[in-house]
Amino acid sequence: MTPTLRDPNSVSNILAFVTKHIKLNWKVNFETSTIAATVVLTLARLTEEQTVRLDCSHLVVKRVTDLDSGQELSFRVDPNATKFGGLLAFDLCTKCPTYDIEYSSCAQLTL
């Protein structure tokens, strides 16, 4: 039987993927109160789900790259997915996914 664990404040698909490793690289600009960043995210698949869904809020996503294949992926951001935040979604293109996500904070976010 599949567990039905669900966070009502999240749009992420936590039952389909587990995070194995996260590597953050932040550049904080205190003058503009923004963050420019990349995150290398290594996931393990728990199901046959093809779309990764991540929670995000006040982010400008610039690029999602599959590091195993080097392929830049299409993605979608829905800033109003829930009343608590937004959604970043992209489809897998390899079996053991490691992704580089380049993003920055929006001007509304304050440090």
Protein backbone atom coordinates (compact mmCIF):
# COMPACT_ATOMS: atom_id res chain seq x y z
CA MET A 1 0.00 0.00 0.00
CA THR A 2 1.33 3.48 -0.93
CA PRO A 3 1.59 5.91 2.00
CA THR A 4 -0.65 8.96 1.83
CA LEU A 5 1.64 11.40 3.62
CA ARG A 6 0.80 14.85 2.32
CA ASP A 7 1.70 18.34 3.48
CA PRO A 8 -1.31 20.56 2.70
CA ASN A 9 1.00 23.61 2.52
CA SER A 10 3.26 22.10 -0.14
CA VAL A 11 3.01 21.44 -3.87
CA SER A 12 6.12 19.22 -3.94
CA ASN A 13 5.75 15.54 -4.78
CA ILE A 14 7.61 14.16 -1.74
CA LEU A 15 6.30 10.63 -2.28
CA ALA A 16 7.84 10.42 -5.77
CA PHE A 17 11.40 11.63 -5.03
CA VAL A 18 13.78 11.82 -2.12
CA THR A 19 16.59 14.37 -1.91
CA LYS A 20 19.96 12.63 -1.58
CA HIS A 21 22.24 15.68 -1.68
CA ILE A 22 22.03 19.47 -1.93
CA LYS A 23 24.93 21.79 -2.75
CA LEU A 24 24.13 25.52 -2.46
CA ASN A 25 26.17 28.38 -3.89
CA TRP A 26 24.77 31.76 -2.85
CA LYS A 27 25.93 35.26 -3.74
CA VAL A 28 24.24 37.69 -1.38
CA ASN A 29 23.97 41.31 -2.49
CA PHE A 30 23.12 43.41 0.55
CA GLU A 31 22.91 46.62 -1.49
CA THR A 32 20.06 45.30 -3.63
CA SER A 33 18.73 42.86 -1.00
CA THR A 34 18.88 39.96 -3.48
CA ILE A 35 20.44 36.54 -3.71
CA ALA A 36 21.86 34.99 -6.90
CA ALA A 37 22.30 31.26 -6.51
CA THR A 38 22.79 27.82 -7.95
CA VAL A 39 21.80 24.59 -6.30
CA VAL A 40 22.96 21.15 -7.33
CA LEU A 41 20.17 18.79 -6.36
CA THR A 42 20.61 15.01 -6.41
CA LEU A 43 17.37 13.06 -6.27
CA ALA A 44 16.38 9.42 -6.03
CA ARG A 45 13.18 8.25 -7.69
CA LEU A 46 10.69 6.39 -5.53
CA THR A 47 8.03 5.98 -8.23
CA GLU A 48 7.72 6.21 -12.02
CA GLU A 49 6.77 9.91 -11.74
CA GLN A 50 8.41 11.94 -14.53
CA THR A 51 7.89 15.47 -13.18
CA VAL A 52 9.81 16.95 -10.24
CA ARG A 53 7.69 19.43 -8.27
CA LEU A 54 9.47 21.75 -5.82
CA ASP A 55 8.18 24.47 -3.52
CA CYS A 56 9.54 27.93 -4.24
CA SER A 57 8.65 31.45 -3.22
CA HIS A 58 9.77 34.81 -4.63
CA LEU A 59 12.33 33.21 -6.96
CA VAL A 60 13.29 33.94 -10.54
CA VAL A 61 14.42 30.63 -12.02
CA LYS A 62 16.85 31.16 -14.87
CA ARG A 63 17.90 27.66 -15.84
CA VAL A 64 17.48 23.97 -14.94
CA THR A 65 20.18 21.64 -16.27
CA ASP A 66 20.41 17.86 -16.07
CA LEU A 67 24.05 17.41 -15.06
CA ASP A 68 24.16 13.76 -16.10
CA SER A 69 23.35 14.56 -19.74
CA GLY A 70 24.27 18.27 -19.83
CA GLN A 71 20.84 19.00 -21.27
CA GLU A 72 19.12 22.27 -20.35
CA LEU A 73 15.52 21.45 -19.42
CA SER A 74 12.30 23.32 -19.88
CA PHE A 75 10.59 24.20 -16.63
CA ARG A 76 7.60 26.08 -15.36
CA VAL A 77 7.16 28.33 -12.37
CA ASP A 78 3.75 29.06 -10.87
CA PRO A 79 4.30 31.77 -8.25
CA ASN A 80 0.75 31.39 -6.90
CA ALA A 81 0.42 27.61 -6.72
CA THR A 82 -0.75 27.86 -3.11
CA LYS A 83 -1.42 30.65 -0.66
CA PHE A 84 1.90 29.71 0.99
CA GLY A 85 4.13 29.89 -2.08
CA GLY A 86 4.87 28.78 -5.59
CA LEU A 87 5.86 25.79 -7.67
CA LEU A 88 8.91 24.94 -9.77
CA ALA A 89 8.29 21.91 -12.01
CA PHE A 90 10.47 20.15 -14.58
CA ASP A 91 10.54 16.74 -16.27
CA LEU A 92 13.25 14.16 -15.80
CA CYS A 93 15.49 13.15 -18.67
CA THR A 94 17.78 10.64 -16.93
CA LYS A 95 17.30 7.78 -14.51
CA CYS A 96 19.55 8.99 -11.66
CA PRO A 97 18.78 12.68 -11.64
CA THR A 98 21.27 15.34 -10.60
CA TYR A 99 20.19 18.84 -11.53
CA ASP A 100 21.71 22.30 -11.44
CA ILE A 101 19.12 25.01 -10.82
CA GLU A 102 20.14 28.63 -11.31
CA TYR A 103 17.91 31.22 -9.67
CA SER A 104 17.73 34.56 -7.93
CA SER A 105 15.45 36.13 -5.40
CA CYS A 106 12.78 38.62 -6.41
CA ALA A 107 13.01 42.25 -5.38
CA GLN A 108 10.08 41.72 -2.95
CA LEU A 109 12.18 39.38 -0.83
CA THR A 110 14.08 41.20 1.90
CA LEU A 111 17.22 39.98 3.60
